[in-house]
Amino acid sequence: MFGRQWLDQWAGAPLDGVKAEWRMALAQFDAQAIRQAVEHMRREGRDFPPNQTQFVALCRQFQPRGAHREVRALTDERRDPPPQGFQTIKDALKRAQVPRK
């Protein structure tokens, strides 16, 4: 959705570490809340990618509260990213890295 802008936030950072940090931050939300937060960003037409704190705050707005809350794991098959998704990001990060001297 944000292309290069999103990737540039993580330039030089190990992708596995980035994914682990986001996974821990989003573990408190069900898949539906995360899906709704992403859809909200699409509808709003945001021109910048959110950082982790901003996205967590957005997800919090869509998290069900009370007895009706249904908790789903982030590995819920209905929200798995396309198989090539992380590989595409990983490849782009590798291409963007500047050789060290």
PDB file of N, CA and C in Angstrom:
ATOM      1  N   MET A   1       0.819  -1.191   0.000  1.00  0.00           N
ATOM      2  CA  MET A   1       0.000   0.000   0.000  1.00  0.00           C
ATOM      3  C   MET A   1       0.869   1.264   0.000  1.00  0.00           C
ATOM      4  N   PHE A   2       1.974   1.249   0.738  1.00  0.00           N
ATOM      5  CA  PHE A   2       2.818   2.435   0.829  1.00  0.00           C
ATOM      6  C   PHE A   2       4.128   2.283   0.068  1.00  0.00           C
ATOM      7  N   GLY A   3       4.370   1.107  -0.463  1.00  0.00           N
ATOM      8  CA  GLY A   3       5.535   0.874  -1.296  1.00  0.00           C
ATOM      9  C   GLY A   3       6.851   1.252  -0.652  1.00  0.00           C
ATOM     10  N   ARG A   4       7.610   2.027  -1.362  1.00  0.00           N
ATOM     11  CA  ARG A   4       8.965   2.395  -0.963  1.00  0.00           C
ATOM     12  C   ARG A   4       9.002   3.140   0.371  1.00  0.00           C
ATOM     13  N   GLN A   5       7.999   3.972   0.628  1.00  0.00           N
ATOM     14  CA  GLN A   5       7.974   4.716   1.892  1.00  0.00           C
ATOM     15  C   GLN A   5       8.015   3.767   3.083  1.00  0.00           C
ATOM     16  N   TRP A   6       7.253   2.681   2.998  1.00  0.00           N
ATOM     17  CA  TRP A   6       7.211   1.736   4.109  1.00  0.00           C
ATOM     18  C   TRP A   6       8.544   1.014   4.230  1.00  0.00           C
ATOM     19  N   LEU A   7       9.073   0.572   3.116  1.00  0.00           N
ATOM     20  CA  LEU A   7      10.350  -0.144   3.137  1.00  0.00           C
ATOM     21  C   LEU A   7      11.484   0.739   3.659  1.00  0.00           C
ATOM     22  N   ASP A   8      11.466   2.012   3.311  1.00  0.00           N
ATOM     23  CA  ASP A   8      12.525   2.923   3.739  1.00  0.00           C
ATOM     24  C   ASP A   8      12.593   3.075   5.262  1.00  0.00           C
ATOM     25  N   GLN A   9      11.465   2.870   5.947  1.00  0.00           N
ATOM     26  CA  GLN A   9      11.477   2.946   7.408  1.00  0.00           C
ATOM     27  C   GLN A   9      12.400   1.902   8.013  1.00  0.00           C
ATOM     28  N   TRP A  10      12.579   0.785   7.304  1.00  0.00           N
ATOM     29  CA  TRP A  10      13.310  -0.356   7.861  1.00  0.00           C
ATOM     30  C   TRP A  10      14.655  -0.578   7.175  1.00  0.00           C
ATOM     31  N   ALA A  11      15.108   0.369   6.395  1.00  0.00           N
ATOM     32  CA  ALA A  11      16.379   0.223   5.688  1.00  0.00           C
ATOM     33  C   ALA A  11      17.495  -0.094   6.680  1.00  0.00           C
ATOM     34  N   GLY A  12      18.214  -1.154   6.411  1.00  0.00           N
ATOM     35  CA  GLY A  12      19.319  -1.550   7.270  1.00  0.00           C
ATOM     36  C   GLY A  12      18.930  -2.393   8.467  1.00  0.00           C
ATOM     37  N   ALA A  13      17.640  -2.524   8.733  1.00  0.00           N
ATOM     38  CA  ALA A  13      17.184  -3.333   9.866  1.00  0.00           C
ATOM     39  C   ALA A  13      16.932  -4.760   9.392  1.00  0.00           C
ATOM     40  N   PRO A  14      17.255  -5.731  10.222  1.00  0.00           N
ATOM     41  CA  PRO A  14      16.976  -7.115   9.828  1.00  0.00           C
ATOM     42  C   PRO A  14      15.460  -7.344   9.758  1.00  0.00           C
ATOM     43  N   LEU A  15      14.989  -7.824   8.624  1.00  0.00           N
ATOM     44  CA  LEU A  15      13.552  -7.997   8.408  1.00  0.00           C
ATOM     45  C   LEU A  15      12.927  -8.939   9.431  1.00  0.00           C
ATOM     46  N   ASP A  16      13.636  -9.976   9.817  1.00  0.00           N
ATOM     47  CA  ASP A  16      13.094 -10.899  10.816  1.00  0.00           C
ATOM     48  C   ASP A  16      12.829 -10.189  12.140  1.00  0.00           C
ATOM     49  N   GLY A  17      13.707  -9.269  12.509  1.00  0.00           N
ATOM     50  CA  GLY A  17      13.511  -8.504  13.736  1.00  0.00           C
ATOM     51  C   GLY A  17      12.325  -7.559  13.638  1.00  0.00           C
ATOM     52  N   VAL A  18      12.183  -6.922  12.484  1.00  0.00           N
ATOM     53  CA  VAL A  18      11.054  -6.018  12.252  1.00  0.00           C
ATOM     54  C   VAL A  18       9.745  -6.790  12.358  1.00  0.00           C
ATOM     55  N   LYS A  19       9.688  -7.931  11.685  1.00  0.00           N
ATOM     56  CA  LYS A  19       8.463  -8.742  11.718  1.00  0.00           C
ATOM     57  C   LYS A  19       8.158  -9.222  13.133  1.00  0.00           C
ATOM     58  N   ALA A  20       9.184  -9.602  13.884  1.00  0.00           N
ATOM     59  CA  ALA A  20       8.973 -10.075  15.258  1.00  0.00           C
ATOM     60  C   ALA A  20       8.411  -8.964  16.136  1.00  0.00           C
ATOM     61  N   GLU A  21       8.943  -7.755  15.997  1.00  0.00           N
ATOM     62  CA  GLU A  21       8.451  -6.619  16.782  1.00  0.00           C
ATOM     63  C   GLU A  21       6.986  -6.323  16.470  1.00  0.00           C
ATOM     64  N   TRP A  22       6.651  -6.299  15.177  1.00  0.00           N
ATOM     65  CA  TRP A  22       5.268  -6.032  14.790  1.00  0.00           C
ATOM     66  C   TRP A  22       4.358  -7.172  15.245  1.00  0.00           C
ATOM     67  N   ARG A  23       4.823  -8.405  15.130  1.00  0.00           N
ATOM     68  CA  ARG A  23       4.017  -9.552  15.553  1.00  0.00           C
ATOM     69  C   ARG A  23       3.679  -9.446  17.033  1.00  0.00           C
ATOM     70  N   MET A  24       4.661  -9.084  17.861  1.00  0.00           N
ATOM     71  CA  MET A  24       4.414  -8.943  19.300  1.00  0.00           C
ATOM     72  C   MET A  24       3.439  -7.804  19.574  1.00  0.00           C
ATOM     73  N   ALA A  25       3.604  -6.689  18.874  1.00  0.00           N
ATOM     74  CA  ALA A  25       2.729  -5.537  19.103  1.00  0.00           C
ATOM     75  C   ALA A  25       1.297  -5.820  18.685  1.00  0.00           C
ATOM     76  N   LEU A  26       1.117  -6.620  17.630  1.00  0.00           N
ATOM     77  CA  LEU A  26      -0.228  -6.887  17.112  1.00  0.00           C
ATOM     78  C   LEU A  26      -0.873  -8.123  17.725  1.00  0.00           C
ATOM     79  N   ALA A  27      -0.153  -8.863  18.544  1.00  0.00           N
ATOM     80  CA  ALA A  27      -0.685 -10.099  19.137  1.00  0.00           C
ATOM     81  C   ALA A  27      -1.916  -9.845  20.005  1.00  0.00           C
ATOM     82  N   GLN A  28      -2.072  -8.643  20.505  1.00  0.00           N
ATOM     83  CA  GLN A  28      -3.212  -8.327  21.372  1.00  0.00           C
ATOM     84  C   GLN A  28      -4.520  -8.132  20.600  1.00  0.00           C
ATOM     85  N   PHE A  29      -4.440  -8.090  19.265  1.00  0.00           N
ATOM     86  CA  PHE A  29      -5.615  -7.819  18.448  1.00  0.00           C
ATOM     87  C   PHE A  29      -6.042  -9.053  17.671  1.00  0.00           C
ATOM     88  N   ASP A  30      -7.343  -9.160  17.449  1.00  0.00           N
ATOM     89  CA  ASP A  30      -7.808 -10.261  16.609  1.00  0.00           C
ATOM     90  C   ASP A  30      -7.635  -9.877  15.140  1.00  0.00           C
ATOM     91  N   ALA A  31      -7.729 -10.874  14.284  1.00  0.00           N
ATOM     92  CA  ALA A  31      -7.490 -10.667  12.848  1.00  0.00           C
ATOM     93  C   ALA A  31      -8.458  -9.645  12.261  1.00  0.00           C
ATOM     94  N   GLN A  32      -9.693  -9.639  12.722  1.00  0.00           N
ATOM     95  CA  GLN A  32     -10.686  -8.708  12.196  1.00  0.00           C
ATOM     96  C   GLN A  32     -10.323  -7.248  12.505  1.00  0.00           C
ATOM     97  N   ALA A  33      -9.821  -6.983  13.702  1.00  0.00           N
ATOM     98  CA  ALA A  33      -9.425  -5.615  14.060  1.00  0.00           C
ATOM     99  C   ALA A  33      -8.283  -5.135  13.169  1.00  0.00           C
ATOM    100  N   ILE A  34      -7.324  -6.011  12.894  1.00  0.00           N
ATOM    101  CA  ILE A  34      -6.190  -5.643  12.034  1.00  0.00           C
ATOM    102  C   ILE A  34      -6.679  -5.411  10.610  1.00  0.00           C
ATOM    103  N   ARG A  35      -7.538  -6.292  10.141  1.00  0.00           N
ATOM    104  CA  ARG A  35      -8.094  -6.156   8.786  1.00  0.00           C
ATOM    105  C   ARG A  35      -8.846  -4.833   8.654  1.00  0.00           C
ATOM    106  N   GLN A  36      -9.649  -4.495   9.649  1.00  0.00           N
ATOM    107  CA  GLN A  36     -10.418  -3.250   9.601  1.00  0.00           C
ATOM    108  C   GLN A  36      -9.505  -2.017   9.659  1.00  0.00           C
ATOM    109  N   ALA A  37      -8.419  -2.105  10.407  1.00  0.00           N
ATOM    110  CA  ALA A  37      -7.476  -0.983  10.469  1.00  0.00           C
ATOM    111  C   ALA A  37      -6.838  -0.741   9.105  1.00  0.00           C
ATOM    112  N   VAL A  38      -6.466  -1.818   8.420  1.00  0.00           N
ATOM    113  CA  VAL A  38      -5.876  -1.686   7.086  1.00  0.00           C
ATOM    114  C   VAL A  38      -6.898  -1.104   6.113  1.00  0.00           C
ATOM    115  N   GLU A  39      -8.124  -1.610   6.164  1.00  0.00           N
ATOM    116  CA  GLU A  39      -9.175  -1.086   5.283  1.00  0.00           C
ATOM    117  C   GLU A  39      -9.444   0.385   5.566  1.00  0.00           C
ATOM    118  N   HIS A  40      -9.400   0.773   6.825  1.00  0.00           N
ATOM    119  CA  HIS A  40      -9.596   2.179   7.193  1.00  0.00           C
ATOM    120  C   HIS A  40      -8.512   3.049   6.549  1.00  0.00           C
ATOM    121  N   MET A  41      -7.264   2.579   6.590  1.00  0.00           N
ATOM    122  CA  MET A  41      -6.175   3.350   5.964  1.00  0.00           C
ATOM    123  C   MET A  41      -6.400   3.473   4.463  1.00  0.00           C
ATOM    124  N   ARG A  42      -6.892   2.411   3.823  1.00  0.00           N
ATOM    125  CA  ARG A  42      -7.167   2.479   2.380  1.00  0.00           C
ATOM    126  C   ARG A  42      -8.257   3.501   2.078  1.00  0.00           C
ATOM    127  N   ARG A  43      -9.336   3.463   2.864  1.00  0.00           N
ATOM    128  CA  ARG A  43     -10.439   4.399   2.644  1.00  0.00           C
ATOM    129  C   ARG A  43     -10.008   5.844   2.872  1.00  0.00           C
ATOM    130  N   GLU A  44      -9.168   6.058   3.870  1.00  0.00           N
ATOM    131  CA  GLU A  44      -8.715   7.408   4.201  1.00  0.00           C
ATOM    132  C   GLU A  44      -7.692   7.939   3.205  1.00  0.00           C
ATOM    133  N   GLY A  45      -7.069   7.039   2.454  1.00  0.00           N
ATOM    134  CA  GLY A  45      -6.073   7.474   1.475  1.00  0.00           C
ATOM    135  C   GLY A  45      -4.856   8.112   2.101  1.00  0.00           C
ATOM    136  N   ARG A  46      -4.382   7.546   3.187  1.00  0.00           N
ATOM    137  CA  ARG A  46      -3.217   8.103   3.886  1.00  0.00           C
ATOM    138  C   ARG A  46      -2.031   8.204   2.936  1.00  0.00           C
ATOM    139  N   ASP A  47      -1.272   9.268   3.053  1.00  0.00           N
ATOM    140  CA  ASP A  47      -0.128   9.463   2.168  1.00  0.00           C
ATOM    141  C   ASP A  47       1.199   9.129   2.840  1.00  0.00           C
ATOM    142  N   PHE A  48       1.171   8.509   4.013  1.00  0.00           N
ATOM    143  CA  PHE A  48       2.393   8.089   4.684  1.00  0.00           C
ATOM    144  C   PHE A  48       2.117   6.781   5.424  1.00  0.00           C
ATOM    145  N   PRO A  49       3.134   5.936   5.577  1.00  0.00           N
ATOM    146  CA  PRO A  49       2.914   4.697   6.313  1.00  0.00           C
ATOM    147  C   PRO A  49       2.935   4.950   7.820  1.00  0.00           C
ATOM    148  N   PRO A  50       2.081   4.263   8.550  1.00  0.00           N
ATOM    149  CA  PRO A  50       2.089   4.436  10.002  1.00  0.00           C
ATOM    150  C   PRO A  50       3.294   3.727  10.613  1.00  0.00           C
ATOM    151  N   ASN A  51       3.781   4.258  11.712  1.00  0.00           N
ATOM    152  CA  ASN A  51       4.785   3.502  12.452  1.00  0.00           C
ATOM    153  C   ASN A  51       4.032   2.499  13.338  1.00  0.00           C
ATOM    154  N   GLN A  52       4.753   1.700  14.066  1.00  0.00           N
ATOM    155  CA  GLN A  52       4.120   0.653  14.866  1.00  0.00           C
ATOM    156  C   GLN A  52       3.144   1.226  15.893  1.00  0.00           C
ATOM    157  N   THR A  53       3.526   2.280  16.587  1.00  0.00           N
ATOM    158  CA  THR A  53       2.673   2.889  17.605  1.00  0.00           C
ATOM    159  C   THR A  53       1.373   3.417  16.995  1.00  0.00           C
ATOM    160  N   GLN A  54       1.472   4.060  15.846  1.00  0.00           N
ATOM    161  CA  GLN A  54       0.286   4.601  15.184  1.00  0.00           C
ATOM    162  C   GLN A  54      -0.648   3.481  14.730  1.00  0.00           C
ATOM    163  N   PHE A  55      -0.084   2.396  14.182  1.00  0.00           N
ATOM    164  CA  PHE A  55      -0.923   1.311  13.700  1.00  0.00           C
ATOM    165  C   PHE A  55      -1.588   0.571  14.857  1.00  0.00           C
ATOM    166  N   VAL A  56      -0.881   0.395  15.964  1.00  0.00           N
ATOM    167  CA  VAL A  56      -1.475  -0.234  17.148  1.00  0.00           C
ATOM    168  C   VAL A  56      -2.648   0.612  17.642  1.00  0.00           C
ATOM    169  N   ALA A  57      -2.484   1.920  17.675  1.00  0.00           N
ATOM    170  CA  ALA A  57      -3.581   2.805  18.101  1.00  0.00           C
ATOM    171  C   ALA A  57      -4.778   2.678  17.167  1.00  0.00           C
ATOM    172  N   LEU A  58      -4.523   2.549  15.887  1.00  0.00           N
ATOM    173  CA  LEU A  58      -5.609   2.384  14.923  1.00  0.00           C
ATOM    174  C   LEU A  58      -6.316   1.047  15.132  1.00  0.00           C
ATOM    175  N   CYS A  59      -5.559  -0.016  15.327  1.00  0.00           N
ATOM    176  CA  CYS A  59      -6.151  -1.340  15.573  1.00  0.00           C
ATOM    177  C   CYS A  59      -7.014  -1.323  16.832  1.00  0.00           C
ATOM    178  N   ARG A  60      -6.559  -0.593  17.848  1.00  0.00           N
ATOM    179  CA  ARG A  60      -7.294  -0.526  19.112  1.00  0.00           C
ATOM    180  C   ARG A  60      -8.718   0.019  18.893  1.00  0.00           C
ATOM    181  N   GLN A  61      -8.896   0.901  17.914  1.00  0.00           N
ATOM    182  CA  GLN A  61     -10.219   1.462  17.635  1.00  0.00           C
ATOM    183  C   GLN A  61     -11.188   0.403  17.119  1.00  0.00           C
ATOM    184  N   PHE A  62     -10.657  -0.660  16.518  1.00  0.00           N
ATOM    185  CA  PHE A  62     -11.505  -1.674  15.907  1.00  0.00           C
ATOM    186  C   PHE A  62     -11.583  -2.964  16.719  1.00  0.00           C
ATOM    187  N   GLN A  63     -10.896  -3.019  17.857  1.00  0.00           N
ATOM    188  CA  GLN A  63     -10.908  -4.228  18.683  1.00  0.00           C
ATOM    189  C   GLN A  63     -12.228  -4.329  19.435  1.00  0.00           C
ATOM    190  N   PRO A  64     -12.951  -5.453  19.278  1.00  0.00           N
ATOM    191  CA  PRO A  64     -14.203  -5.631  20.019  1.00  0.00           C
ATOM    192  C   PRO A  64     -13.950  -5.622  21.528  1.00  0.00           C
ATOM    193  N   ARG A  65     -14.923  -5.164  22.268  1.00  0.00           N
ATOM    194  CA  ARG A  65     -14.804  -5.121  23.725  1.00  0.00           C
ATOM    195  C   ARG A  65     -15.944  -5.918  24.345  1.00  0.00           C
ATOM    196  N   GLY A  66     -15.703  -6.461  25.516  1.00  0.00           N
ATOM    197  CA  GLY A  66     -16.742  -7.135  26.263  1.00  0.00           C
ATOM    198  C   GLY A  66     -16.877  -8.614  25.947  1.00  0.00           C
ATOM    199  N   ALA A  67     -18.002  -9.198  26.373  1.00  0.00           N
ATOM    200  CA  ALA A  67     -18.222 -10.640  26.283  1.00  0.00           C
ATOM    201  C   ALA A  67     -18.319 -11.137  24.847  1.00  0.00           C
ATOM    202  N   HIS A  68     -18.683 -10.286  23.906  1.00  0.00           N
ATOM    203  CA  HIS A  68     -18.860 -10.724  22.520  1.00  0.00           C
ATOM    204  C   HIS A  68     -17.538 -10.853  21.773  1.00  0.00           C
ATOM    205  N   ARG A  69     -16.443 -10.488  22.409  1.00  0.00           N
ATOM    206  CA  ARG A  69     -15.134 -10.510  21.750  1.00  0.00           C
ATOM    207  C   ARG A  69     -14.735 -11.940  21.396  1.00  0.00           C
ATOM    208  N   GLU A  70     -14.373 -12.124  20.149  1.00  0.00           N
ATOM    209  CA  GLU A  70     -13.904 -13.422  19.676  1.00  0.00           C
ATOM    210  C   GLU A  70     -12.432 -13.269  19.322  1.00  0.00           C
ATOM    211  N   VAL A  71     -11.585 -14.020  19.982  1.00  0.00           N
ATOM    212  CA  VAL A  71     -10.152 -13.888  19.779  1.00  0.00           C
ATOM    213  C   VAL A  71      -9.682 -14.906  18.752  1.00  0.00           C
ATOM    214  N   ARG A  72      -8.926 -14.433  17.787  1.00  0.00           N
ATOM    215  CA  ARG A  72      -8.346 -15.303  16.769  1.00  0.00           C
ATOM    216  C   ARG A  72      -6.848 -15.069  16.747  1.00  0.00           C
ATOM    217  N   ALA A  73      -6.111 -16.095  16.462  1.00  0.00           N
ATOM    218  CA  ALA A  73      -4.657 -15.981  16.355  1.00  0.00           C
ATOM    219  C   ALA A  73      -4.300 -15.199  15.101  1.00  0.00           C
ATOM    220  N   LEU A  74      -3.141 -14.566  15.124  1.00  0.00           N
ATOM    221  CA  LEU A  74      -2.682 -13.850  13.937  1.00  0.00           C
ATOM    222  C   LEU A  74      -2.383 -14.801  12.790  1.00  0.00           C
ATOM    223  N   THR A  75      -2.275 -16.084  13.086  1.00  0.00           N
ATOM    224  CA  THR A  75      -2.017 -17.064  12.034  1.00  0.00           C
ATOM    225  C   THR A  75      -3.323 -17.571  11.427  1.00  0.00           C
ATOM    226  N   ASP A  76      -4.434 -16.976  11.782  1.00  0.00           N
ATOM    227  CA  ASP A  76      -5.733 -17.342  11.225  1.00  0.00           C
ATOM    228  C   ASP A  76      -5.622 -17.374   9.702  1.00  0.00           C
ATOM    229  N   GLU A  77      -6.000 -18.491   9.102  1.00  0.00           N
ATOM    230  CA  GLU A  77      -5.824 -18.679   7.658  1.00  0.00           C
ATOM    231  C   GLU A  77      -6.578 -17.653   6.825  1.00  0.00           C
ATOM    232  N   ARG A  78      -7.561 -16.987   7.398  1.00  0.00           N
ATOM    233  CA  ARG A  78      -8.319 -16.003   6.638  1.00  0.00           C
ATOM    234  C   ARG A  78      -7.565 -14.690   6.462  1.00  0.00           C
ATOM    235  N   ARG A  79      -6.460 -14.497   7.145  1.00  0.00           N
ATOM    236  CA  ARG A  79      -5.745 -13.235   6.997  1.00  0.00           C
ATOM    237  C   ARG A  79      -4.275 -13.449   6.660  1.00  0.00           C
ATOM    238  N   ASP A  80      -3.882 -14.668   6.343  1.00  0.00           N
ATOM    239  CA  ASP A  80      -2.490 -14.897   5.976  1.00  0.00           C
ATOM    240  C   ASP A  80      -2.133 -14.068   4.753  1.00  0.00           C
ATOM    241  N   PRO A  81      -0.943 -13.490   4.754  1.00  0.00           N
ATOM    242  CA  PRO A  81      -0.528 -12.716   3.593  1.00  0.00           C
ATOM    243  C   PRO A  81      -0.272 -13.640   2.414  1.00  0.00           C
ATOM    244  N   PRO A  82      -0.287 -13.112   1.211  1.00  0.00           N
ATOM    245  CA  PRO A  82       0.036 -13.953   0.073  1.00  0.00           C
ATOM    246  C   PRO A  82       1.428 -14.537   0.263  1.00  0.00           C
ATOM    247  N   PRO A  83       1.666 -15.766  -0.197  1.00  0.00           N
ATOM    248  CA  PRO A  83       2.952 -16.415   0.056  1.00  0.00           C
ATOM    249  C   PRO A  83       4.148 -15.593  -0.403  1.00  0.00           C
ATOM    250  N   GLN A  84       3.994 -14.835  -1.453  1.00  0.00           N
ATOM    251  CA  GLN A  84       5.110 -14.055  -1.962  1.00  0.00           C
ATOM    252  C   GLN A  84       5.256 -12.717  -1.242  1.00  0.00           C
ATOM    253  N   GLY A  85       4.314 -12.343  -0.390  1.00  0.00           N
ATOM    254  CA  GLY A  85       4.311 -11.022   0.248  1.00  0.00           C
ATOM    255  C   GLY A  85       5.577 -10.696   1.008  1.00  0.00           C
ATOM    256  N   PHE A  86       5.953 -11.514   1.986  1.00  0.00           N
ATOM    257  CA  PHE A  86       7.142 -11.239   2.776  1.00  0.00           C
ATOM    258  C   PHE A  86       8.406 -11.377   1.936  1.00  0.00           C
ATOM    259  N   GLN A  87       8.401 -12.315   0.997  1.00  0.00           N
ATOM    260  CA  GLN A  87       9.577 -12.481   0.144  1.00  0.00           C
ATOM    261  C   GLN A  87       9.792 -11.241  -0.711  1.00  0.00           C
ATOM    262  N   THR A  88       8.713 -10.655  -1.202  1.00  0.00           N
ATOM    263  CA  THR A  88       8.813  -9.434  -2.004  1.00  0.00           C
ATOM    264  C   THR A  88       9.437  -8.305  -1.180  1.00  0.00           C
ATOM    265  N   ILE A  89       8.990  -8.153   0.061  1.00  0.00           N
ATOM    266  CA  ILE A  89       9.542  -7.125   0.951  1.00  0.00           C
ATOM    267  C   ILE A  89      11.008  -7.416   1.245  1.00  0.00           C
ATOM    268  N   LYS A  90      11.300  -8.665   1.539  1.00  0.00           N
ATOM    269  CA  LYS A  90      12.670  -9.063   1.849  1.00  0.00           C
ATOM    270  C   LYS A  90      13.601  -8.777   0.668  1.00  0.00           C
ATOM    271  N   ASP A  91      13.158  -9.120  -0.543  1.00  0.00           N
ATOM    272  CA  ASP A  91      13.959  -8.873  -1.741  1.00  0.00           C
ATOM    273  C   ASP A  91      14.186  -7.375  -1.951  1.00  0.00           C
ATOM    274  N   ALA A  92      13.152  -6.581  -1.729  1.00  0.00           N
ATOM    275  CA  ALA A  92      13.280  -5.129  -1.905  1.00  0.00           C
ATOM    276  C   ALA A  92      14.263  -4.540  -0.889  1.00  0.00           C
ATOM    277  N   LEU A  93      14.225  -5.054   0.336  1.00  0.00           N
ATOM    278  CA  LEU A  93      15.160  -4.574   1.346  1.00  0.00           C
ATOM    279  C   LEU A  93      16.594  -4.921   0.980  1.00  0.00           C
ATOM    280  N   LYS A  94      16.793  -6.110   0.447  1.00  0.00           N
ATOM    281  CA  LYS A  94      18.139  -6.509   0.030  1.00  0.00           C
ATOM    282  C   LYS A  94      18.655  -5.594  -1.077  1.00  0.00           C
ATOM    283  N   ARG A  95      17.796  -5.288  -2.054  1.00  0.00           N
ATOM    284  CA  ARG A  95      18.198  -4.408  -3.155  1.00  0.00           C
ATOM    285  C   ARG A  95      18.500  -2.995  -2.661  1.00  0.00           C
ATOM    286  N   ALA A  96      17.805  -2.552  -1.616  1.00  0.00           N
ATOM    287  CA  ALA A  96      17.944  -1.181  -1.135  1.00  0.00           C
ATOM    288  C   ALA A  96      19.158  -0.998  -0.227  1.00  0.00           C
ATOM    289  N   GLN A  97      19.727  -2.084   0.259  1.00  0.00           N
ATOM    290  CA  GLN A  97      20.844  -1.963   1.196  1.00  0.00           C
ATOM    291  C   GLN A  97      22.095  -1.470   0.484  1.00  0.00           C
ATOM    292  N   VAL A  98      22.768  -0.558   1.155  1.00  0.00           N
ATOM    293  CA  VAL A  98      24.020   0.000   0.637  1.00  0.00           C
ATOM    294  C   VAL A  98      25.150  -0.889   1.127  1.00  0.00           C
ATOM    295  N   PRO A  99      26.060  -1.273   0.224  1.00  0.00           N
ATOM    296  CA  PRO A  99      27.184  -2.113   0.666  1.00  0.00           C
ATOM    297  C   PRO A  99      27.993  -1.425   1.763  1.00  0.00           C
ATOM    298  N   ARG A 100      28.383  -2.197   2.741  1.00  0.00           N
ATOM    299  CA  ARG A 100      29.191  -1.650   3.845  1.00  0.00           C
ATOM    300  C   ARG A 100      30.650  -1.593   3.429  1.00  0.00           C
ATOM    301  N   LYS A 101      31.342  -0.585   3.951  1.00  0.00           N
ATOM    302  CA  LYS A 101      32.770  -0.425   3.637  1.00  0.00           C
ATOM    303  C   LYS A 101      33.625  -1.030   4.699  1.00  0.00           C
TER     304      LYS A 101
END
